[in-house]
Amino acid sequence: MGPIFQASLLDLDEELRVGPLGATVRRTKLSRGAWFDLRPGWLTGADQLYERLAESVPWQAERRRMYDRVVDVPRLLKFYDEDDPLPHPILEEARRALNAHYEEELGEPFRTAGLCFYRDGRDSVAWHGDTIGRGGTEDTMVAIISVGCPRPLLLRPRGGGHSLRHELGHGDLIVMGGSCQRTWEHAIPKTSRPTGPRISIQFRPRGVR
């Protein structure tokens, strides 16, 4: 049996579209030059997008070496490089809107898109920053749209400390900027509670993973 998805009552029969940014975005400043922006419900009709992506994206199961063994990555993945067509036109529109809002501050456009499919509470991603490539030495931004059932995204200072928690799903947008990838970490923890599936779409500039 595939993952059980429970649609949001607020998202029923909504047109699939991106909303405004501007004054609707709430910025939270963190320590050491890091910050994040939050825009709940930025993508209306997001449950429609979840269903289309879950069915149409050629999801890949990956394995990675951890210490002395090779383990399954606890989520499904798909990466779209800057010249690859995205799997739905609304994602092209979302990237254009993000670039219109953030490109001046970022100094370059968002170019790539990585998709993660968290099928249930057993799927997760451990504490990390996107420090492969330029993100390890330069300030940058990562914009994440969440569709499907909400899951908590946790943020904490690198090396440990008090964590912040945000439930993200049903079209919510979070943008992590400044030094966030180098000086803070984020995670989607496992949970034993019944939870439905979620897909995240991460937009990044060139050379950031």
N, C-alpha and C. Protein backbone atom coordinates (compact mmCIF):
# COMPACT_ATOMS: atom_id res chain seq x y z
N MET A 1 0.85 -1.19 0.00
CA MET A 1 0.00 0.00 0.00
C MET A 1 0.89 1.24 0.00
N GLY A 2 0.55 2.22 -0.82
CA GLY A 2 1.31 3.45 -0.88
C GLY A 2 1.00 4.36 0.29
N PRO A 3 1.72 5.47 0.41
CA PRO A 3 1.48 6.38 1.51
C PRO A 3 0.09 6.98 1.45
N ILE A 4 -0.52 7.17 2.62
CA ILE A 4 -1.87 7.71 2.71
C ILE A 4 -1.77 9.22 2.88
N PHE A 5 -2.36 9.94 1.93
CA PHE A 5 -2.29 11.39 1.94
C PHE A 5 -3.63 11.96 2.34
N GLN A 6 -3.62 12.84 3.35
CA GLN A 6 -4.83 13.52 3.80
C GLN A 6 -4.77 14.97 3.36
N ALA A 7 -5.67 15.34 2.46
CA ALA A 7 -5.67 16.71 1.93
C ALA A 7 -6.11 17.69 3.00
N SER A 8 -5.69 18.93 2.84
CA SER A 8 -6.11 20.00 3.73
C SER A 8 -7.51 20.46 3.34
N LEU A 9 -8.36 20.66 4.33
CA LEU A 9 -9.70 21.17 4.03
C LEU A 9 -9.64 22.57 3.45
N LEU A 10 -8.58 23.32 3.78
CA LEU A 10 -8.43 24.68 3.26
C LEU A 10 -7.98 24.70 1.81
N ASP A 11 -7.49 23.56 1.31
CA ASP A 11 -6.90 23.52 -0.02
C ASP A 11 -7.84 22.92 -1.07
N LEU A 12 -9.01 22.45 -0.62
CA LEU A 12 -9.93 21.80 -1.54
C LEU A 12 -10.42 22.79 -2.59
N ASP A 13 -10.39 22.38 -3.85
CA ASP A 13 -10.92 23.15 -4.98
C ASP A 13 -10.20 24.49 -5.19
N GLU A 14 -9.03 24.69 -4.56
CA GLU A 14 -8.26 25.91 -4.78
C GLU A 14 -7.51 25.81 -6.10
N GLU A 15 -7.43 26.94 -6.79
CA GLU A 15 -6.62 27.00 -8.01
C GLU A 15 -5.16 26.87 -7.64
N LEU A 16 -4.41 26.10 -8.45
CA LEU A 16 -2.99 25.92 -8.20
C LEU A 16 -2.25 27.17 -8.67
N ARG A 17 -1.71 27.94 -7.72
CA ARG A 17 -1.02 29.18 -8.08
C ARG A 17 -0.11 29.61 -6.93
N VAL A 18 0.87 30.45 -7.27
CA VAL A 18 1.73 31.03 -6.24
C VAL A 18 1.12 32.35 -5.79
N GLY A 19 1.28 32.66 -4.52
CA GLY A 19 0.75 33.89 -3.98
C GLY A 19 1.78 34.99 -4.00
N PRO A 20 1.46 36.13 -3.42
CA PRO A 20 2.42 37.23 -3.34
C PRO A 20 3.49 36.93 -2.30
N LEU A 21 4.61 37.64 -2.42
CA LEU A 21 5.66 37.60 -1.41
C LEU A 21 5.68 38.96 -0.72
N GLY A 22 6.70 39.76 -0.95
CA GLY A 22 6.69 41.11 -0.41
C GLY A 22 6.42 41.15 1.08
N ALA A 23 5.42 41.93 1.48
CA ALA A 23 5.12 42.13 2.89
C ALA A 23 4.51 40.91 3.56
N THR A 24 4.14 39.88 2.78
CA THR A 24 3.57 38.67 3.38
C THR A 24 4.64 37.77 3.98
N VAL A 25 5.91 38.04 3.71
CA VAL A 25 7.02 37.21 4.19
C VAL A 25 7.46 37.71 5.56
N ARG A 26 7.63 36.78 6.52
CA ARG A 26 8.07 37.14 7.87
C ARG A 26 9.50 36.65 8.08
N ARG A 27 10.42 37.57 8.34
CA ARG A 27 11.83 37.21 8.52
C ARG A 27 12.17 37.09 10.00
N THR A 28 12.91 36.04 10.34
CA THR A 28 13.44 35.83 11.68
C THR A 28 14.96 35.84 11.61
N LYS A 29 15.59 36.75 12.34
CA LYS A 29 17.04 36.82 12.38
C LYS A 29 17.57 35.85 13.42
N LEU A 30 18.59 35.10 13.04
CA LEU A 30 19.23 34.14 13.91
C LEU A 30 20.61 34.67 14.30
N SER A 31 21.41 33.86 14.93
CA SER A 31 22.75 34.28 15.33
C SER A 31 23.74 34.15 14.18
N ARG A 32 24.86 34.82 14.29
CA ARG A 32 26.02 34.69 13.39
C ARG A 32 25.67 34.98 11.93
N GLY A 33 24.77 35.93 11.71
CA GLY A 33 24.46 36.36 10.35
C GLY A 33 23.48 35.47 9.60
N ALA A 34 22.83 34.55 10.29
CA ALA A 34 21.85 33.67 9.66
C ALA A 34 20.44 34.23 9.83
N TRP A 35 19.54 33.85 8.93
CA TRP A 35 18.15 34.24 9.03
C TRP A 35 17.29 33.25 8.25
N PHE A 36 15.98 33.29 8.51
CA PHE A 36 15.05 32.56 7.64
C PHE A 36 13.79 33.37 7.46
N ASP A 37 13.19 33.21 6.30
CA ASP A 37 11.90 33.82 5.97
C ASP A 37 10.84 32.72 5.95
N LEU A 38 9.64 33.05 6.42
CA LEU A 38 8.54 32.10 6.43
C LEU A 38 7.33 32.74 5.75
N ARG A 39 6.72 31.98 4.83
CA ARG A 39 5.49 32.43 4.16
C ARG A 39 4.51 31.26 4.13
N PRO A 40 3.66 31.13 5.16
CA PRO A 40 2.71 30.01 5.18
C PRO A 40 1.74 30.09 4.01
N GLY A 41 1.39 28.93 3.45
CA GLY A 41 0.38 28.85 2.41
C GLY A 41 0.69 29.63 1.15
N TRP A 42 1.98 29.74 0.82
CA TRP A 42 2.34 30.53 -0.37
C TRP A 42 1.77 29.92 -1.65
N LEU A 43 1.78 28.61 -1.73
CA LEU A 43 1.27 27.91 -2.92
C LEU A 43 -0.12 27.38 -2.62
N THR A 44 -1.14 27.99 -3.21
CA THR A 44 -2.50 27.49 -3.03
C THR A 44 -2.75 26.36 -4.03
N GLY A 45 -3.69 25.48 -3.68
CA GLY A 45 -3.89 24.29 -4.51
C GLY A 45 -2.73 23.32 -4.40
N ALA A 46 -1.95 23.42 -3.32
CA ALA A 46 -0.72 22.64 -3.19
C ALA A 46 -0.98 21.14 -3.13
N ASP A 47 -2.16 20.73 -2.64
CA ASP A 47 -2.44 19.30 -2.57
C ASP A 47 -2.54 18.69 -3.96
N GLN A 48 -3.01 19.48 -4.93
CA GLN A 48 -3.02 19.00 -6.32
C GLN A 48 -1.60 18.76 -6.81
N LEU A 49 -0.69 19.68 -6.46
CA LEU A 49 0.70 19.53 -6.88
C LEU A 49 1.33 18.32 -6.23
N TYR A 50 1.06 18.11 -4.94
CA TYR A 50 1.58 16.92 -4.27
C TYR A 50 1.19 15.66 -5.05
N GLU A 51 -0.08 15.53 -5.37
CA GLU A 51 -0.56 14.32 -6.03
C GLU A 51 0.10 14.12 -7.39
N ARG A 52 0.29 15.20 -8.13
CA ARG A 52 0.91 15.08 -9.46
C ARG A 52 2.38 14.71 -9.35
N LEU A 53 3.08 15.33 -8.40
CA LEU A 53 4.50 15.02 -8.24
C LEU A 53 4.70 13.60 -7.73
N ALA A 54 3.87 13.18 -6.78
CA ALA A 54 4.00 11.83 -6.23
C ALA A 54 3.86 10.78 -7.33
N GLU A 55 2.98 11.05 -8.31
CA GLU A 55 2.70 10.08 -9.36
C GLU A 55 3.66 10.18 -10.54
N SER A 56 4.14 11.39 -10.86
CA SER A 56 4.83 11.58 -12.14
C SER A 56 6.34 11.72 -12.05
N VAL A 57 6.88 12.11 -10.91
CA VAL A 57 8.33 12.28 -10.79
C VAL A 57 9.00 10.91 -10.76
N PRO A 58 10.08 10.72 -11.51
CA PRO A 58 10.81 9.44 -11.46
C PRO A 58 11.68 9.36 -10.22
N TRP A 59 11.04 9.08 -9.10
CA TRP A 59 11.72 9.08 -7.81
C TRP A 59 12.82 8.03 -7.77
N GLN A 60 13.90 8.36 -7.08
CA GLN A 60 15.06 7.47 -6.99
C GLN A 60 15.35 7.15 -5.54
N ALA A 61 15.55 5.86 -5.26
CA ALA A 61 16.01 5.42 -3.95
C ALA A 61 17.53 5.32 -3.99
N GLU A 62 18.20 5.98 -3.06
CA GLU A 62 19.66 6.00 -3.06
C GLU A 62 20.20 5.28 -1.83
N ARG A 63 21.46 4.83 -1.94
CA ARG A 63 22.17 4.21 -0.83
C ARG A 63 23.47 4.97 -0.61
N ARG A 64 23.86 5.14 0.65
CA ARG A 64 25.07 5.89 0.97
C ARG A 64 25.88 5.14 2.03
N ARG A 65 27.19 5.34 1.97
CA ARG A 65 28.06 4.72 2.97
C ARG A 65 27.97 5.51 4.27
N MET A 66 27.77 4.78 5.35
CA MET A 66 27.78 5.38 6.67
C MET A 66 28.71 4.54 7.55
N TYR A 67 29.84 5.12 7.87
CA TYR A 67 30.86 4.43 8.66
C TYR A 67 31.30 3.17 7.90
N ASP A 68 31.02 1.96 8.41
CA ASP A 68 31.54 0.75 7.78
C ASP A 68 30.47 -0.02 7.01
N ARG A 69 29.36 0.63 6.70
CA ARG A 69 28.31 -0.07 5.95
C ARG A 69 27.58 0.88 5.01
N VAL A 70 26.83 0.31 4.08
CA VAL A 70 26.04 1.07 3.13
C VAL A 70 24.57 0.96 3.53
N VAL A 71 23.89 2.09 3.64
CA VAL A 71 22.51 2.10 4.13
C VAL A 71 21.61 2.80 3.12
N ASP A 72 20.31 2.50 3.20
CA ASP A 72 19.32 3.19 2.37
C ASP A 72 19.14 4.61 2.85
N VAL A 73 19.08 5.57 1.92
CA VAL A 73 18.70 6.94 2.27
C VAL A 73 17.21 6.94 2.63
N PRO A 74 16.83 7.43 3.80
CA PRO A 74 15.44 7.31 4.26
C PRO A 74 14.49 8.35 3.66
N ARG A 75 14.47 8.44 2.36
CA ARG A 75 13.55 9.28 1.60
C ARG A 75 13.86 9.03 0.13
N LEU A 76 12.93 9.39 -0.76
CA LEU A 76 13.16 9.29 -2.19
C LEU A 76 13.60 10.65 -2.71
N LEU A 77 14.38 10.66 -3.79
CA LEU A 77 15.02 11.88 -4.26
C LEU A 77 14.90 12.04 -5.77
N LYS A 78 14.97 13.29 -6.21
CA LYS A 78 15.11 13.61 -7.63
C LYS A 78 15.72 15.00 -7.74
N PHE A 79 16.79 15.13 -8.52
CA PHE A 79 17.47 16.40 -8.69
C PHE A 79 17.29 16.90 -10.12
N TYR A 80 16.95 18.19 -10.25
CA TYR A 80 16.80 18.84 -11.56
C TYR A 80 17.87 19.92 -11.68
N ASP A 81 18.81 19.72 -12.59
CA ASP A 81 19.86 20.71 -12.80
C ASP A 81 19.28 21.92 -13.52
N GLU A 82 20.10 22.95 -13.67
CA GLU A 82 19.56 24.23 -14.15
C GLU A 82 19.03 24.17 -15.57
N ASP A 83 19.46 23.23 -16.37
CA ASP A 83 18.95 23.13 -17.74
C ASP A 83 17.85 22.08 -17.88
N ASP A 84 17.50 21.42 -16.81
CA ASP A 84 16.46 20.39 -16.87
C ASP A 84 15.08 21.01 -16.72
N PRO A 85 14.10 20.57 -17.53
CA PRO A 85 12.74 21.06 -17.33
C PRO A 85 12.19 20.53 -16.01
N LEU A 86 11.51 21.39 -15.27
CA LEU A 86 10.93 20.97 -14.00
C LEU A 86 9.66 20.15 -14.25
N PRO A 87 9.26 19.33 -13.28
CA PRO A 87 8.18 18.36 -13.53
C PRO A 87 6.78 18.95 -13.56
N HIS A 88 6.64 20.25 -13.27
CA HIS A 88 5.32 20.88 -13.35
C HIS A 88 5.51 22.36 -13.63
N PRO A 89 4.68 22.97 -14.50
CA PRO A 89 4.85 24.39 -14.82
C PRO A 89 4.77 25.32 -13.62
N ILE A 90 4.02 24.94 -12.58
CA ILE A 90 3.90 25.84 -11.42
C ILE A 90 5.24 25.99 -10.71
N LEU A 91 6.14 25.00 -10.84
CA LEU A 91 7.45 25.12 -10.22
C LEU A 91 8.32 26.12 -10.97
N GLU A 92 8.17 26.19 -12.28
CA GLU A 92 8.86 27.23 -13.05
C GLU A 92 8.36 28.61 -12.62
N GLU A 93 7.04 28.71 -12.44
CA GLU A 93 6.46 29.98 -12.01
C GLU A 93 6.93 30.35 -10.60
N ALA A 94 7.00 29.36 -9.71
CA ALA A 94 7.47 29.62 -8.35
C ALA A 94 8.92 30.09 -8.36
N ARG A 95 9.75 29.48 -9.18
CA ARG A 95 11.16 29.90 -9.24
C ARG A 95 11.28 31.32 -9.77
N ARG A 96 10.48 31.67 -10.77
CA ARG A 96 10.50 33.05 -11.28
C ARG A 96 10.10 34.04 -10.18
N ALA A 97 9.06 33.69 -9.42
CA ALA A 97 8.60 34.59 -8.35
C ALA A 97 9.65 34.72 -7.25
N LEU A 98 10.32 33.62 -6.90
CA LEU A 98 11.38 33.69 -5.90
C LEU A 98 12.55 34.53 -6.39
N ASN A 99 12.89 34.40 -7.67
CA ASN A 99 13.98 35.21 -8.20
C ASN A 99 13.61 36.69 -8.23
N ALA A 100 12.37 36.99 -8.57
CA ALA A 100 11.95 38.40 -8.58
C ALA A 100 12.05 39.01 -7.19
N HIS A 101 11.79 38.21 -6.17
CA HIS A 101 11.79 38.73 -4.79
C HIS A 101 13.19 38.74 -4.17
N TYR A 102 14.00 37.70 -4.46
CA TYR A 102 15.26 37.51 -3.73
C TYR A 102 16.53 37.77 -4.53
N GLU A 103 16.44 37.86 -5.86
CA GLU A 103 17.68 37.88 -6.65
C GLU A 103 18.57 39.09 -6.32
N GLU A 104 17.98 40.24 -6.07
CA GLU A 104 18.80 41.41 -5.75
C GLU A 104 19.57 41.18 -4.45
N GLU A 105 18.90 40.65 -3.45
CA GLU A 105 19.57 40.39 -2.17
C GLU A 105 20.57 39.24 -2.28
N LEU A 106 20.21 38.20 -3.03
CA LEU A 106 21.07 37.03 -3.19
C LEU A 106 22.25 37.31 -4.10
N GLY A 107 22.03 38.18 -5.10
CA GLY A 107 23.09 38.50 -6.06
C GLY A 107 23.15 37.56 -7.24
N GLU A 108 22.23 36.61 -7.32
CA GLU A 108 22.16 35.64 -8.42
C GLU A 108 20.81 34.94 -8.33
N PRO A 109 20.40 34.25 -9.38
CA PRO A 109 19.10 33.59 -9.34
C PRO A 109 19.18 32.18 -8.74
N PHE A 110 18.04 31.69 -8.29
CA PHE A 110 17.89 30.27 -8.01
C PHE A 110 17.89 29.53 -9.35
N ARG A 111 18.62 28.42 -9.42
CA ARG A 111 18.76 27.72 -10.70
C ARG A 111 18.35 26.24 -10.66
N THR A 112 18.70 25.53 -9.58
CA THR A 112 18.44 24.09 -9.53
C THR A 112 17.26 23.81 -8.62
N ALA A 113 16.74 22.59 -8.72
CA ALA A 113 15.64 22.15 -7.86
C ALA A 113 15.89 20.72 -7.42
N GLY A 114 15.88 20.50 -6.13
CA GLY A 114 15.97 19.15 -5.58
C GLY A 114 14.65 18.79 -4.93
N LEU A 115 14.14 17.59 -5.20
CA LEU A 115 12.88 17.14 -4.62
C LEU A 115 13.14 15.98 -3.68
N CYS A 116 12.49 16.00 -2.53
CA CYS A 116 12.56 14.91 -1.55
C CYS A 116 11.15 14.44 -1.23
N PHE A 117 10.96 13.13 -1.20
CA PHE A 117 9.66 12.52 -0.92
C PHE A 117 9.78 11.77 0.41
N TYR A 118 9.13 12.34 1.44
CA TYR A 118 9.07 11.71 2.75
C TYR A 118 7.77 10.92 2.81
N ARG A 119 7.86 9.60 2.70
CA ARG A 119 6.67 8.78 2.51
C ARG A 119 5.85 8.60 3.77
N ASP A 120 6.52 8.55 4.92
CA ASP A 120 5.84 8.42 6.21
C ASP A 120 6.83 8.85 7.29
N GLY A 121 6.47 8.59 8.55
CA GLY A 121 7.30 9.05 9.66
C GLY A 121 8.66 8.39 9.74
N ARG A 122 8.86 7.29 9.03
CA ARG A 122 10.17 6.64 9.05
C ARG A 122 11.17 7.34 8.15
N ASP A 123 10.69 8.13 7.20
CA ASP A 123 11.58 8.89 6.32
C ASP A 123 12.00 10.18 7.03
N SER A 124 13.24 10.60 6.78
CA SER A 124 13.79 11.72 7.55
C SER A 124 15.02 12.26 6.85
N VAL A 125 15.57 13.35 7.41
CA VAL A 125 16.90 13.81 7.04
C VAL A 125 17.56 14.31 8.32
N ALA A 126 18.81 13.87 8.53
CA ALA A 126 19.53 14.18 9.77
C ALA A 126 19.99 15.64 9.77
N TRP A 127 20.46 16.09 10.92
CA TRP A 127 20.98 17.45 11.05
C TRP A 127 22.08 17.70 10.03
N HIS A 128 21.97 18.80 9.30
CA HIS A 128 22.96 19.12 8.26
C HIS A 128 22.77 20.56 7.81
N GLY A 129 23.75 21.08 7.08
CA GLY A 129 23.62 22.30 6.30
C GLY A 129 23.96 21.98 4.86
N ASP A 130 23.47 22.76 3.93
CA ASP A 130 23.77 22.54 2.51
C ASP A 130 25.13 23.13 2.20
N THR A 131 26.17 22.40 2.57
CA THR A 131 27.54 22.93 2.51
C THR A 131 28.38 22.28 1.43
N ILE A 132 27.77 21.46 0.57
CA ILE A 132 28.50 20.94 -0.58
C ILE A 132 28.58 22.05 -1.62
N GLY A 133 29.79 22.36 -2.10
CA GLY A 133 29.97 23.47 -3.03
C GLY A 133 30.13 24.79 -2.30
N ARG A 134 29.64 25.86 -2.89
CA ARG A 134 29.87 27.21 -2.36
C ARG A 134 29.19 27.47 -1.03
N GLY A 135 28.16 26.68 -0.71
CA GLY A 135 27.45 26.89 0.54
C GLY A 135 28.32 26.65 1.77
N GLY A 136 29.44 25.95 1.60
CA GLY A 136 30.33 25.71 2.72
C GLY A 136 31.21 26.88 3.08
N THR A 137 31.35 27.85 2.16
CA THR A 137 32.25 28.97 2.41
C THR A 137 31.60 30.33 2.19
N GLU A 138 30.42 30.38 1.55
CA GLU A 138 29.79 31.64 1.20
C GLU A 138 28.36 31.70 1.74
N ASP A 139 27.89 32.91 2.04
CA ASP A 139 26.47 33.10 2.34
C ASP A 139 25.66 32.78 1.10
N THR A 140 24.52 32.18 1.28
CA THR A 140 23.67 31.81 0.15
C THR A 140 22.23 31.71 0.63
N MET A 141 21.34 31.22 -0.21
CA MET A 141 19.95 31.00 0.15
C MET A 141 19.49 29.65 -0.37
N VAL A 142 18.61 29.02 0.38
CA VAL A 142 17.90 27.82 -0.04
C VAL A 142 16.42 28.06 0.23
N ALA A 143 15.60 27.96 -0.81
CA ALA A 143 14.16 28.18 -0.69
C ALA A 143 13.45 26.83 -0.78
N ILE A 144 12.60 26.52 0.18
CA ILE A 144 11.94 25.22 0.25
C ILE A 144 10.43 25.42 0.26
N ILE A 145 9.75 24.77 -0.69
CA ILE A 145 8.29 24.71 -0.70
C ILE A 145 7.89 23.31 -0.24
N SER A 146 6.94 23.22 0.68
CA SER A 146 6.47 21.94 1.19
C SER A 146 5.04 21.70 0.71
N VAL A 147 4.82 20.52 0.14
CA VAL A 147 3.46 20.12 -0.26
C VAL A 147 3.19 18.76 0.36
N GLY A 148 1.92 18.47 0.60
CA GLY A 148 1.56 17.25 1.29
C GLY A 148 1.32 17.53 2.76
N CYS A 149 1.37 16.48 3.57
CA CYS A 149 1.08 16.60 5.00
C CYS A 149 2.22 17.29 5.72
N PRO A 150 1.92 18.13 6.70
CA PRO A 150 2.97 18.85 7.41
C PRO A 150 3.91 17.91 8.16
N ARG A 151 5.19 18.27 8.13
CA ARG A 151 6.22 17.63 8.95
C ARG A 151 7.03 18.74 9.61
N PRO A 152 7.57 18.50 10.80
CA PRO A 152 8.37 19.54 11.46
C PRO A 152 9.74 19.67 10.82
N LEU A 153 10.13 20.90 10.51
CA LEU A 153 11.51 21.21 10.14
C LEU A 153 12.14 21.88 11.35
N LEU A 154 13.26 21.34 11.81
CA LEU A 154 13.96 21.87 12.97
C LEU A 154 15.19 22.64 12.54
N LEU A 155 15.49 23.71 13.25
CA LEU A 155 16.69 24.52 13.02
C LEU A 155 17.42 24.68 14.35
N ARG A 156 18.76 24.55 14.34
CA ARG A 156 19.54 24.77 15.56
C ARG A 156 20.92 25.31 15.17
N PRO A 157 21.61 25.98 16.08
CA PRO A 157 22.97 26.42 15.79
C PRO A 157 23.88 25.22 15.53
N ARG A 158 24.80 25.37 14.60
CA ARG A 158 25.73 24.28 14.31
C ARG A 158 26.52 23.95 15.58
N GLY A 159 26.62 22.66 15.87
CA GLY A 159 27.28 22.21 17.07
C GLY A 159 26.35 21.95 18.23
N GLY A 160 25.06 22.29 18.06
CA GLY A 160 24.08 22.02 19.11
C GLY A 160 23.54 23.29 19.75
N GLY A 161 22.45 23.14 20.44
CA GLY A 161 21.81 24.28 21.09
C GLY A 161 20.31 24.17 20.96
N HIS A 162 19.62 25.20 21.46
CA HIS A 162 18.15 25.22 21.41
C HIS A 162 17.68 25.19 19.96
N SER A 163 16.70 24.33 19.65
CA SER A 163 16.20 24.21 18.28
C SER A 163 14.86 24.92 18.12
N LEU A 164 14.65 25.43 16.91
CA LEU A 164 13.39 26.03 16.51
C LEU A 164 12.63 25.02 15.67
N ARG A 165 11.31 25.03 15.75
CA ARG A 165 10.48 24.02 15.09
C ARG A 165 9.39 24.72 14.29
N HIS A 166 9.23 24.30 13.03
CA HIS A 166 8.16 24.81 12.19
C HIS A 166 7.52 23.64 11.44
N GLU A 167 6.19 23.54 11.55
CA GLU A 167 5.44 22.53 10.81
C GLU A 167 5.22 23.04 9.39
N LEU A 168 5.75 22.34 8.41
CA LEU A 168 5.69 22.80 7.02
C LEU A 168 4.96 21.78 6.15
N GLY A 169 4.00 22.25 5.39
CA GLY A 169 3.24 21.42 4.46
C GLY A 169 2.19 22.27 3.78
N HIS A 170 1.43 21.65 2.86
CA HIS A 170 0.29 22.31 2.21
C HIS A 170 0.65 23.68 1.62
N GLY A 171 1.82 23.77 0.96
CA GLY A 171 2.17 24.98 0.24
C GLY A 171 2.96 26.01 0.99
N ASP A 172 3.48 25.66 2.18
CA ASP A 172 4.28 26.60 2.96
C ASP A 172 5.66 26.81 2.32
N LEU A 173 6.21 28.01 2.51
CA LEU A 173 7.53 28.37 1.99
C LEU A 173 8.43 28.78 3.14
N ILE A 174 9.65 28.24 3.16
CA ILE A 174 10.69 28.73 4.06
C ILE A 174 11.94 29.00 3.23
N VAL A 175 12.60 30.11 3.49
CA VAL A 175 13.84 30.47 2.81
C VAL A 175 14.89 30.69 3.88
N MET A 176 15.96 29.90 3.81
CA MET A 176 17.08 30.04 4.75
C MET A 176 18.18 30.84 4.07
N GLY A 177 18.67 31.91 4.71
CA GLY A 177 19.61 32.80 4.05
C GLY A 177 20.73 33.25 4.95
N GLY A 178 21.57 34.14 4.40
CA GLY A 178 22.74 34.60 5.11
C GLY A 178 23.71 33.46 5.32
N SER A 179 24.22 33.32 6.54
CA SER A 179 25.17 32.25 6.86
C SER A 179 24.48 30.96 7.32
N CYS A 180 23.17 30.85 7.11
CA CYS A 180 22.39 29.77 7.73
C CYS A 180 22.95 28.38 7.43
N GLN A 181 23.38 28.14 6.19
CA GLN A 181 23.86 26.80 5.83
C GLN A 181 25.19 26.47 6.50
N ARG A 182 25.98 27.50 6.83
CA ARG A 182 27.29 27.27 7.45
C ARG A 182 27.24 27.30 8.97
N THR A 183 26.37 28.12 9.54
CA THR A 183 26.40 28.33 10.99
C THR A 183 25.21 27.72 11.72
N TRP A 184 24.21 27.26 10.99
CA TRP A 184 23.07 26.57 11.57
C TRP A 184 22.87 25.24 10.84
N GLU A 185 22.07 24.37 11.40
CA GLU A 185 21.72 23.09 10.79
C GLU A 185 20.20 22.95 10.79
N HIS A 186 19.70 22.11 9.88
CA HIS A 186 18.27 21.83 9.86
C HIS A 186 18.06 20.33 9.68
N ALA A 187 16.87 19.86 10.04
CA ALA A 187 16.57 18.43 10.00
C ALA A 187 15.07 18.21 9.90
N ILE A 188 14.70 17.06 9.32
CA ILE A 188 13.33 16.54 9.39
C ILE A 188 13.43 15.24 10.20
N PRO A 189 13.02 15.23 11.46
CA PRO A 189 13.24 14.05 12.29
C PRO A 189 12.24 12.93 11.99
N LYS A 190 12.65 11.71 12.30
CA LYS A 190 11.72 10.59 12.26
C LYS A 190 10.66 10.78 13.33
N THR A 191 9.51 10.14 13.15
CA THR A 191 8.47 10.18 14.16
C THR A 191 7.74 8.85 14.18
N SER A 192 7.34 8.41 15.36
CA SER A 192 6.55 7.19 15.50
C SER A 192 5.06 7.47 15.40
N ARG A 193 4.71 8.74 15.37
CA ARG A 193 3.29 9.09 15.25
C ARG A 193 2.82 8.88 13.82
N PRO A 194 1.56 8.49 13.64
CA PRO A 194 1.04 8.36 12.27
C PRO A 194 1.13 9.70 11.54
N THR A 195 1.74 9.70 10.37
CA THR A 195 1.88 10.94 9.61
C THR A 195 1.81 10.62 8.13
N GLY A 196 1.22 11.51 7.38
CA GLY A 196 1.09 11.30 5.95
C GLY A 196 2.34 11.74 5.20
N PRO A 197 2.36 11.56 3.89
CA PRO A 197 3.54 11.87 3.08
C PRO A 197 3.68 13.36 2.80
N ARG A 198 4.91 13.77 2.57
CA ARG A 198 5.24 15.15 2.27
C ARG A 198 6.31 15.17 1.19
N ILE A 199 6.23 16.14 0.29
CA ILE A 199 7.27 16.39 -0.71
C ILE A 199 7.80 17.80 -0.50
N SER A 200 9.13 17.93 -0.48
CA SER A 200 9.74 19.25 -0.43
C SER A 200 10.45 19.53 -1.74
N ILE A 201 10.35 20.80 -2.18
CA ILE A 201 11.03 21.27 -3.38
C ILE A 201 12.02 22.34 -2.95
N GLN A 202 13.31 22.09 -3.16
CA GLN A 202 14.35 23.00 -2.71
C GLN A 202 14.99 23.70 -3.91
N PHE A 203 14.87 25.00 -3.96
CA PHE A 203 15.50 25.79 -5.02
C PHE A 203 16.82 26.35 -4.47
N ARG A 204 17.89 26.20 -5.27
CA ARG A 204 19.22 26.66 -4.88
C ARG A 204 19.90 27.38 -6.02
N PRO A 205 20.86 28.26 -5.71
CA PRO A 205 21.70 28.86 -6.76
C PRO A 205 22.67 27.83 -7.31
N ARG A 206 23.33 28.19 -8.40
CA ARG A 206 24.33 27.32 -9.01
C ARG A 206 25.45 27.02 -8.00
N GLY A 207 25.89 25.77 -7.95
CA GLY A 207 27.03 25.39 -7.14
C GLY A 207 26.77 25.23 -5.67
N VAL A 208 25.49 25.14 -5.27
CA VAL A 208 25.12 24.95 -3.87
C VAL A 208 24.32 23.66 -3.79
N ARG A 209 24.72 22.74 -2.90
CA ARG A 209 23.98 21.48 -2.70
C ARG A 209 23.87 21.15 -1.21
